[in-house]
N, C-alpha and C. Protein backbone atom coordinates (compact mmCIF):
# COMPACT_ATOMS: atom_id res chain seq x y z
N MET A 1 -3.29 23.37 44.40
CA MET A 1 -3.88 23.93 45.20
C MET A 1 -5.01 24.48 44.35
N LYS A 2 -4.63 25.19 43.22
CA LYS A 2 -5.52 25.69 42.25
C LYS A 2 -6.91 24.54 41.78
N LYS A 3 -6.42 23.52 41.76
CA LYS A 3 -7.73 22.54 41.87
C LYS A 3 -8.46 22.70 43.05
N ARG A 4 -7.49 22.62 43.89
CA ARG A 4 -8.68 22.64 45.26
C ARG A 4 -9.34 23.66 45.43
N LEU A 5 -8.99 25.04 45.09
CA LEU A 5 -9.64 26.26 44.63
C LEU A 5 -10.87 26.29 43.95
N VAL A 6 -10.49 25.79 43.02
CA VAL A 6 -11.84 25.48 41.92
C VAL A 6 -12.77 25.11 42.38
N THR A 7 -12.22 23.66 43.11
CA THR A 7 -13.29 22.90 43.64
C THR A 7 -14.03 23.43 44.86
N ARG A 8 -13.49 23.80 45.81
CA ARG A 8 -14.26 24.80 46.55
C ARG A 8 -15.29 25.63 46.10
N PHE A 9 -14.65 26.75 45.24
CA PHE A 9 -15.46 27.47 44.48
C PHE A 9 -16.72 27.11 44.16
N LEU A 10 -16.58 26.00 43.42
CA LEU A 10 -17.66 25.41 42.55
C LEU A 10 -18.84 24.89 43.88
N ILE A 11 -18.53 24.26 44.96
CA ILE A 11 -18.97 23.75 45.91
C ILE A 11 -20.06 25.39 46.44
N GLY A 12 -19.25 25.84 46.82
CA GLY A 12 -19.78 27.07 47.39
C GLY A 12 -20.27 27.76 46.50
N ILE A 13 -20.56 27.94 45.34
CA ILE A 13 -21.42 28.62 44.50
C ILE A 13 -22.77 27.52 44.80
N PHE A 14 -22.99 26.13 45.27
CA PHE A 14 -24.21 25.86 45.27
C PHE A 14 -24.65 26.25 46.46
N ALA A 15 -23.76 25.72 47.35
CA ALA A 15 -24.05 25.88 48.89
C ALA A 15 -24.59 27.18 49.33
N GLY A 16 -23.65 27.97 48.81
CA GLY A 16 -24.20 29.28 49.12
C GLY A 16 -25.49 29.94 48.79
N ALA A 17 -25.75 29.16 47.41
CA ALA A 17 -27.18 29.78 46.50
C ALA A 17 -28.24 29.23 47.49
N LEU A 18 -27.91 27.80 47.93
CA LEU A 18 -28.84 27.30 48.70
C LEU A 18 -29.45 27.89 49.71
N VAL A 19 -28.16 28.07 50.96
CA VAL A 19 -28.09 28.78 52.27
C VAL A 19 -28.80 30.25 51.95
N ALA A 20 -28.42 31.17 50.79
CA ALA A 20 -29.17 31.94 50.80
C ALA A 20 -30.65 32.16 50.66
N HIS A 21 -31.29 31.14 50.06
CA HIS A 21 -32.77 30.68 49.99
C HIS A 21 -33.24 30.27 51.34
N LEU A 22 -32.45 29.55 52.16
CA LEU A 22 -32.42 29.10 53.47
C LEU A 22 -32.69 30.56 54.17
N ILE A 23 -31.71 31.51 54.44
CA ILE A 23 -31.33 32.35 55.36
C ILE A 23 -32.71 33.25 54.95
N THR A 24 -33.35 33.39 53.94
CA THR A 24 -34.19 34.25 53.52
C THR A 24 -35.85 33.70 54.10
N PHE A 25 -35.67 32.21 53.65
CA PHE A 25 -36.71 31.75 54.47
C PHE A 25 -37.16 32.04 55.56
N LEU A 26 -35.79 31.67 56.60
CA LEU A 26 -35.87 31.92 57.69
C LEU A 26 -36.16 33.22 58.42
N VAL A 27 -35.45 34.11 57.93
CA VAL A 27 -35.85 35.85 57.94
C VAL A 27 -37.27 36.17 58.09
N ASN A 28 -37.92 35.60 56.97
CA ASN A 28 -38.99 36.19 56.31
C ASN A 28 -40.15 35.35 57.61
N TYR A 29 -39.84 34.36 57.97
CA TYR A 29 -40.55 33.59 58.78
C TYR A 29 -40.71 34.28 60.25
N LEU A 30 -39.37 34.40 60.48
CA LEU A 30 -39.12 34.92 61.95
C LEU A 30 -39.75 36.23 61.89
N SER A 31 -39.68 37.26 60.88
CA SER A 31 -39.82 38.49 61.05
C SER A 31 -41.31 38.67 60.76
N ARG A 32 -41.99 37.97 59.70
CA ARG A 32 -43.40 38.18 59.06
C ARG A 32 -44.26 36.95 59.29
N ASP A 33 -43.80 36.31 59.80
CA ASP A 33 -44.80 34.81 59.74
C ASP A 33 -44.90 34.52 59.08
N GLN A 34 -44.29 34.41 58.02
CA GLN A 34 -44.88 33.88 56.47
C GLN A 34 -43.47 33.68 55.93
N TYR A 35 -43.42 32.06 54.95
CA TYR A 35 -42.46 31.71 54.36
C TYR A 35 -42.28 32.71 53.05
N LEU A 36 -41.40 33.48 52.82
CA LEU A 36 -41.70 34.06 51.44
C LEU A 36 -39.91 33.76 50.80
N VAL A 37 -39.99 33.79 49.19
CA VAL A 37 -38.69 33.28 48.52
C VAL A 37 -37.71 34.43 48.76
N CYS A 38 -38.26 35.60 48.31
CA CYS A 38 -37.19 36.66 48.86
C CYS A 38 -37.78 37.92 49.44
N MET A 39 -36.77 38.58 49.88
CA MET A 39 -37.46 39.46 50.86
C MET A 39 -38.39 40.90 49.98
N PRO A 40 -39.29 41.68 50.57
CA PRO A 40 -40.12 42.22 49.62
C PRO A 40 -39.82 43.30 49.30
N LYS A 41 -38.66 44.17 49.73
CA LYS A 41 -37.92 45.07 49.24
C LYS A 41 -37.32 44.48 48.13
N LEU A 42 -36.85 43.36 48.27
CA LEU A 42 -35.90 42.93 47.08
C LEU A 42 -37.04 42.67 45.96
N THR A 43 -37.98 41.89 45.97
CA THR A 43 -39.08 41.70 45.10
C THR A 43 -39.70 42.78 44.31
N GLU A 44 -39.92 43.90 45.34
CA GLU A 44 -40.39 45.25 44.85
C GLU A 44 -39.43 45.96 44.14
N ARG A 45 -38.26 45.50 43.99
CA ARG A 45 -37.13 46.15 43.26
C ARG A 45 -37.19 45.80 42.15
N PHE A 46 -37.30 44.23 41.91
CA PHE A 46 -36.32 43.47 41.10
C PHE A 46 -37.78 42.88 40.58
N GLY A 47 -38.89 42.69 41.14
CA GLY A 47 -39.69 41.62 40.61
C GLY A 47 -39.48 40.42 41.07
N LEU A 48 -40.54 39.27 41.24
CA LEU A 48 -39.88 38.17 41.98
C LEU A 48 -39.08 36.92 40.97
N ALA A 49 -39.18 37.30 40.06
CA ALA A 49 -38.04 36.52 39.04
C ALA A 49 -36.70 37.11 39.01
N GLY A 50 -36.40 38.09 39.03
CA GLY A 50 -35.24 39.30 39.21
C GLY A 50 -34.64 39.36 40.67
N ALA A 51 -35.82 39.02 41.63
CA ALA A 51 -35.11 38.95 43.17
C ALA A 51 -34.79 37.83 43.53
N VAL A 52 -35.31 36.51 42.79
CA VAL A 52 -34.53 35.43 42.91
C VAL A 52 -33.12 35.09 42.31
N ILE A 53 -33.29 35.59 41.13
CA ILE A 53 -31.93 35.71 40.28
C ILE A 53 -30.94 36.23 40.97
N VAL A 54 -31.30 37.49 41.65
CA VAL A 54 -30.06 38.26 42.37
C VAL A 54 -29.84 37.85 43.75
N GLN A 55 -31.08 36.73 44.28
CA GLN A 55 -30.78 36.33 45.64
C GLN A 55 -29.57 35.14 45.21
N THR A 56 -30.02 34.60 44.22
CA THR A 56 -29.24 33.17 43.95
C THR A 56 -27.81 33.45 43.65
N ILE A 57 -27.70 34.59 43.11
CA ILE A 57 -26.21 35.13 42.52
C ILE A 57 -25.54 35.56 43.71
N LEU A 58 -25.96 36.34 44.03
CA LEU A 58 -25.21 36.80 46.00
C LEU A 58 -24.93 35.85 46.82
N GLY A 59 -25.64 34.63 46.87
CA GLY A 59 -25.57 33.66 47.98
C GLY A 59 -24.55 32.83 47.06
N ALA A 60 -24.71 32.81 45.84
CA ALA A 60 -23.60 31.87 45.05
C ALA A 60 -22.05 32.56 45.56
N LEU A 61 -21.97 33.73 45.34
CA LEU A 61 -20.98 34.60 45.55
C LEU A 61 -20.38 34.50 47.04
N PHE A 62 -21.41 34.62 48.01
CA PHE A 62 -21.06 34.51 49.33
C PHE A 62 -20.64 33.07 49.60
N GLY A 63 -21.11 31.91 49.39
CA GLY A 63 -20.37 30.62 49.44
C GLY A 63 -19.24 30.29 48.69
N MET A 64 -19.25 30.98 47.37
CA MET A 64 -17.87 30.93 46.75
C MET A 64 -16.67 31.55 47.63
N ILE A 65 -16.80 32.64 48.37
CA ILE A 65 -15.83 32.92 48.93
C ILE A 65 -15.58 32.55 50.21
N ALA A 66 -16.96 32.07 50.86
CA ALA A 66 -16.87 31.50 52.25
C ALA A 66 -16.24 30.11 52.25
N LEU A 67 -16.41 29.29 51.05
CA LEU A 67 -15.60 27.94 50.90
C LEU A 67 -14.34 28.12 50.30
N GLY A 68 -14.22 28.96 49.25
CA GLY A 68 -13.13 28.97 48.73
C GLY A 68 -12.08 29.79 49.35
N GLY A 69 -12.48 30.75 50.68
CA GLY A 69 -11.81 31.26 50.97
C GLY A 69 -10.53 30.00 52.37
N THR A 70 -11.60 28.96 52.47
CA THR A 70 -10.62 28.02 53.25
C THR A 70 -9.08 27.46 52.68
N CYS A 71 -9.33 27.52 51.50
CA CYS A 71 -7.57 27.70 51.17
C CYS A 71 -6.48 28.39 51.48
N LEU A 72 -7.16 29.59 52.13
CA LEU A 72 -6.10 30.27 53.03
C LEU A 72 -5.54 29.58 53.79
N PHE A 73 -6.27 28.25 54.37
CA PHE A 73 -5.38 27.39 55.84
C PHE A 73 -4.21 26.40 54.74
N ASP A 74 -4.44 26.47 53.47
CA ASP A 74 -3.50 25.58 52.98
C ASP A 74 -2.21 26.64 52.58
N ILE A 75 -2.11 28.14 52.77
CA ILE A 75 -1.28 28.74 52.67
C ILE A 75 0.05 28.34 54.02
N GLU A 76 1.22 27.39 53.84
CA GLU A 76 1.95 27.07 54.32
C GLU A 76 2.77 28.16 54.73
N LYS A 77 3.17 29.39 54.68
CA LYS A 77 3.73 30.42 55.24
C LYS A 77 3.13 31.39 56.50
N TRP A 78 1.64 31.07 56.28
CA TRP A 78 0.72 31.70 57.31
C TRP A 78 0.44 30.80 58.47
N SER A 79 0.63 31.74 59.42
CA SER A 79 0.45 31.04 60.86
C SER A 79 -1.36 30.92 60.47
N LEU A 80 -1.88 29.80 61.88
CA LEU A 80 -3.36 29.28 61.73
C LEU A 80 -4.14 30.69 62.12
N LEU A 81 -3.53 31.35 63.16
CA LEU A 81 -4.11 32.69 63.73
C LEU A 81 -4.46 33.70 62.52
N ARG A 82 -3.74 33.99 61.22
CA ARG A 82 -3.59 35.18 59.96
C ARG A 82 -4.70 34.08 59.34
N ALA A 83 -4.42 33.04 59.02
CA ALA A 83 -5.69 32.04 58.14
C ALA A 83 -7.00 32.38 58.71
N SER A 84 -7.17 32.17 60.00
CA SER A 84 -8.71 32.10 60.63
C SER A 84 -8.80 33.77 60.48
N ALA A 85 -7.87 34.24 61.28
CA ALA A 85 -8.36 35.87 61.00
C ALA A 85 -9.01 36.75 59.61
N THR A 86 -8.27 36.28 58.75
CA THR A 86 -8.59 36.45 57.52
C THR A 86 -9.66 35.89 56.66
N HIS A 87 -9.91 34.45 57.08
CA HIS A 87 -10.92 33.80 56.38
C HIS A 87 -12.36 34.56 57.51
N CYS A 88 -12.06 34.56 58.59
CA CYS A 88 -13.54 34.91 59.19
C CYS A 88 -13.60 36.68 58.85
N ALA A 89 -12.55 37.51 58.61
CA ALA A 89 -12.87 38.69 57.64
C ALA A 89 -13.83 38.65 56.50
N PHE A 90 -12.99 38.00 55.70
CA PHE A 90 -13.74 37.39 54.48
C PHE A 90 -14.91 37.24 54.24
N ILE A 91 -15.71 36.04 55.32
CA ILE A 91 -16.87 35.51 55.42
C ILE A 91 -17.70 37.04 56.18
N LEU A 92 -17.23 37.69 57.20
CA LEU A 92 -18.12 38.72 57.63
C LEU A 92 -18.61 39.74 56.84
N VAL A 93 -17.25 40.20 55.85
CA VAL A 93 -17.47 41.37 55.24
C VAL A 93 -18.55 41.15 54.02
N THR A 94 -18.35 39.81 53.38
CA THR A 94 -19.33 39.41 52.31
C THR A 94 -20.79 39.04 52.81
N TYR A 95 -20.56 38.47 54.15
CA TYR A 95 -22.31 38.30 54.89
C TYR A 95 -22.97 39.94 55.11
N ILE A 96 -22.03 40.63 55.29
CA ILE A 96 -22.61 42.04 55.55
C ILE A 96 -23.06 42.95 54.26
N ILE A 97 -22.30 42.87 53.57
CA ILE A 97 -22.43 43.14 52.05
C ILE A 97 -23.53 42.50 51.29
N VAL A 98 -23.81 41.30 51.18
CA VAL A 98 -24.63 40.61 50.81
C VAL A 98 -25.93 40.77 51.61
N GLY A 99 -26.27 40.49 52.91
CA GLY A 99 -27.11 40.73 53.82
C GLY A 99 -27.71 42.02 53.80
N LEU A 100 -27.01 43.23 53.30
CA LEU A 100 -27.43 44.57 53.12
C LEU A 100 -28.36 44.24 51.74
N ARG A 101 -27.47 43.71 50.89
CA ARG A 101 -28.19 43.96 49.35
C ARG A 101 -29.47 43.14 49.48
N LEU A 102 -29.52 42.27 50.09
CA LEU A 102 -30.88 41.22 49.81
C LEU A 102 -32.02 41.62 51.05
N HIS A 103 -31.44 42.88 51.61
CA HIS A 103 -32.48 43.02 52.88
C HIS A 103 -32.77 41.96 53.83
N TRP A 104 -31.67 41.22 54.16
CA TRP A 104 -31.68 40.65 55.52
C TRP A 104 -31.50 41.50 56.67
N LEU A 105 -30.36 42.60 56.52
CA LEU A 105 -29.86 43.63 57.48
C LEU A 105 -30.49 44.89 57.18
N SER A 106 -30.88 45.50 57.86
CA SER A 106 -31.23 46.86 57.49
C SER A 106 -29.84 47.99 57.93
N PHE A 107 -30.10 49.15 57.26
CA PHE A 107 -29.12 49.76 56.92
C PHE A 107 -28.81 50.46 58.54
N ASN A 108 -28.78 49.71 59.46
CA ASN A 108 -28.34 50.62 60.50
C ASN A 108 -27.42 49.80 61.43
N ILE A 109 -26.92 50.47 62.21
CA ILE A 109 -25.76 49.93 62.96
C ILE A 109 -26.21 48.75 63.87
N LYS A 110 -27.10 49.17 64.57
CA LYS A 110 -27.25 47.97 65.63
C LYS A 110 -27.11 46.61 64.92
N PRO A 111 -28.43 46.34 63.88
CA PRO A 111 -28.56 44.92 63.26
C PRO A 111 -26.89 44.52 62.82
N ILE A 112 -26.09 45.62 62.22
CA ILE A 112 -25.09 45.18 61.49
C ILE A 112 -24.25 44.39 62.84
N LEU A 113 -23.75 45.59 63.92
CA LEU A 113 -22.78 45.02 65.00
C LEU A 113 -23.60 43.82 65.63
N ILE A 114 -24.93 43.77 65.35
CA ILE A 114 -25.45 42.19 66.43
C ILE A 114 -24.94 40.74 65.41
N MET A 115 -24.97 41.15 63.98
CA MET A 115 -24.87 39.92 63.15
C MET A 115 -23.23 40.28 63.32
N THR A 116 -22.59 40.94 63.48
CA THR A 116 -21.18 40.89 63.58
C THR A 116 -20.66 40.04 64.60
N GLY A 117 -21.31 40.28 65.93
CA GLY A 117 -20.92 39.68 66.72
C GLY A 117 -21.06 37.95 67.00
N ILE A 118 -22.35 37.87 66.10
CA ILE A 118 -22.97 36.35 66.26
C ILE A 118 -21.85 35.51 65.43
N ILE A 119 -21.64 36.69 64.11
CA ILE A 119 -20.71 35.56 62.94
C ILE A 119 -19.05 35.32 63.63
N VAL A 120 -18.77 36.75 64.48
CA VAL A 120 -17.24 36.22 65.33
C VAL A 120 -17.60 35.02 66.10
N PHE A 121 -18.65 35.35 67.12
CA PHE A 121 -18.69 34.22 68.30
C PHE A 121 -18.78 32.48 67.73
N VAL A 122 -19.54 32.52 66.51
CA VAL A 122 -19.88 31.49 65.69
C VAL A 122 -18.66 31.05 65.07
N TYR A 123 -17.89 31.70 64.50
CA TYR A 123 -16.60 31.26 63.68
C TYR A 123 -15.68 30.85 65.00
N ALA A 124 -15.75 31.55 66.21
CA ALA A 124 -14.58 31.24 67.04
C ALA A 124 -14.89 29.97 67.77
N LEU A 125 -16.44 29.95 67.83
CA LEU A 125 -17.20 28.66 68.58
C LEU A 125 -16.08 27.34 67.65
N ILE A 126 -16.74 27.30 66.36
CA ILE A 126 -16.02 26.49 65.76
C ILE A 126 -15.01 26.05 65.64
N TRP A 127 -13.89 27.34 65.25
CA TRP A 127 -12.61 27.31 65.38
C TRP A 127 -12.01 26.62 66.93
N LEU A 128 -12.58 27.08 67.79
CA LEU A 128 -11.83 26.10 69.02
C LEU A 128 -12.57 24.85 68.85
N ILE A 129 -13.64 24.35 68.40
CA ILE A 129 -14.08 23.17 68.59
C ILE A 129 -13.11 22.02 67.59
N MET A 130 -12.94 22.95 66.31
CA MET A 130 -11.76 21.92 65.18
C MET A 130 -10.35 22.19 65.86
N TYR A 131 -10.05 23.20 66.80
CA TYR A 131 -8.65 22.89 67.20
C TYR A 131 -8.57 21.85 68.36
N VAL A 132 -9.49 21.75 68.94
CA VAL A 132 -9.30 20.99 70.34
C VAL A 132 -9.64 18.99 69.64
N VAL A 133 -10.26 19.03 68.48
CA VAL A 133 -10.22 17.96 67.93
C VAL A 133 -9.15 17.60 66.96
N TRP A 134 -8.32 18.65 66.44
CA TRP A 134 -7.16 18.36 65.75
C TRP A 134 -5.70 17.96 66.75
N LYS A 135 -5.94 19.05 67.87
CA LYS A 135 -5.04 18.36 68.94
C LYS A 135 -5.33 17.15 69.55
N ARG A 136 -6.12 16.69 69.67
CA ARG A 136 -6.31 15.35 69.87
C ARG A 136 -5.81 14.08 69.05
N GLU A 137 -6.16 14.18 67.63
CA GLU A 137 -5.61 13.80 66.73
C GLU A 137 -4.42 13.95 66.39
N ILE A 138 -3.48 14.70 66.67
CA ILE A 138 -1.89 15.01 66.40
C ILE A 138 -1.61 14.19 67.81
N LYS A 139 -1.88 14.41 68.75
CA LYS A 139 -1.68 13.60 70.22
C LYS A 139 -1.66 11.97 69.68
N GLU A 140 -3.14 11.71 69.33
CA GLU A 140 -2.74 10.18 68.76
C GLU A 140 -2.01 9.76 67.87
N LEU A 141 -1.83 10.64 66.64
CA LEU A 141 -0.56 10.20 66.00
C LEU A 141 0.63 10.02 66.28
N ASN A 142 1.07 11.29 67.29
CA ASN A 142 2.01 10.93 68.11
C ASN A 142 2.43 10.11 68.64
N ARG A 143 1.38 9.30 69.49
CA ARG A 143 1.19 8.35 70.42
C ARG A 143 2.04 6.96 69.41
N LEU A 144 0.95 6.96 68.54
CA LEU A 144 0.79 5.94 67.56
C LEU A 144 2.70 5.78 66.58
N VAL A 145 2.99 7.02 66.54
CA VAL A 145 4.67 6.89 65.89
C VAL A 145 5.59 6.76 67.06
N GLU A 146 5.54 6.94 68.18
CA GLU A 146 6.19 6.83 69.16
C GLU A 146 5.88 5.05 69.64
N GLU A 147 4.73 4.57 69.47
CA GLU A 147 4.45 2.92 69.63
C GLU A 147 5.23 2.24 68.57
N TYR A 148 5.22 2.90 67.24
CA TYR A 148 5.68 2.10 66.02
C TYR A 148 7.27 2.24 66.37
N LYS A 149 7.88 3.77 66.49
CA LYS A 149 9.21 3.55 66.84
C LYS A 149 9.56 2.51 67.77
N LYS A 150 8.85 2.27 68.84
CA LYS A 150 9.38 1.20 69.97
C LYS A 150 9.05 -0.38 69.40
N ASP A 151 7.98 -0.55 68.76
CA ASP A 151 8.00 -1.69 67.72
C ASP A 151 9.12 -1.68 66.90
N ALA A 152 9.48 -1.17 66.00
CA ALA A 152 10.57 -0.91 65.22
C ALA A 152 11.86 -1.50 65.96
N ASP A 153 12.28 -0.37 67.25
CA ASP A 153 13.31 -0.77 67.95
C ASP A 153 13.63 -2.41 68.61
N THR A 154 12.35 -2.75 68.83
CA THR A 154 12.11 -4.14 69.42
C THR A 154 12.61 -5.08 68.38
N ASP A 155 11.87 -5.08 67.05
CA ASP A 155 12.18 -5.73 66.06
C ASP A 155 13.75 -6.18 65.36
N THR A 156 14.26 -4.62 65.69
CA THR A 156 15.53 -4.46 65.22
C THR A 156 16.57 -5.27 66.47
N GLY A 157 16.26 -5.39 67.34
CA GLY A 157 17.22 -5.81 68.65
C GLY A 157 16.91 -7.04 68.90
N GLU A 158 15.84 -8.08 68.33
CA GLU A 158 15.85 -9.29 68.49
C GLU A 158 16.70 -9.81 66.99
N ASN A 159 17.16 -9.45 66.13
CA ASN A 159 17.95 -9.68 64.90
C ASN A 159 18.64 -10.20 65.21
C-alpha cells in the first residue's frame, strides 16, 4: 500500500501541476478573453516567475492529495461510501483552498458554493458511472465462475 501511495503521490504532483496551469488558462480565457499563465492578482503579488512557481506547487499539492487520496479505497475496513465521501471531501477542501490562493475563486460565498456544487455533482456522476461499470464486471465475473463450476462438475462426472 505504501508503494502504491507514493506512486500515486508522484503521478499526482505532475498531473496536478499540469491541471493547475490548464485551469488558469481556461479561467483567464473565459473571464478576460486572454490566455495568461497566471491570474493577474497572483502575478501582481509574486511577479511572473514567483506566481508560476506558487501555482505549480499548489497545483502539485492538489494533484498529490486528489490522486494519493484514492488509496482510501484500498482500506479494507472502510465502506465504499466512507472512502468516497472522505476522498470527495479531500478534493473539495483542497480545491477551494488552492482556488482561493491562486485567485481562481474570489473570497465570496457564491462562487465557493457554486464550485462546491459542481465538484460534488461531478464526483457523484463519476462515482455512479464507475459503480455501474464495476457492478457489470462483477456480475460477469460471477457468471464466469458459475460457468467454470458447471464445467468442472461436468468434467468430474465424466471420470
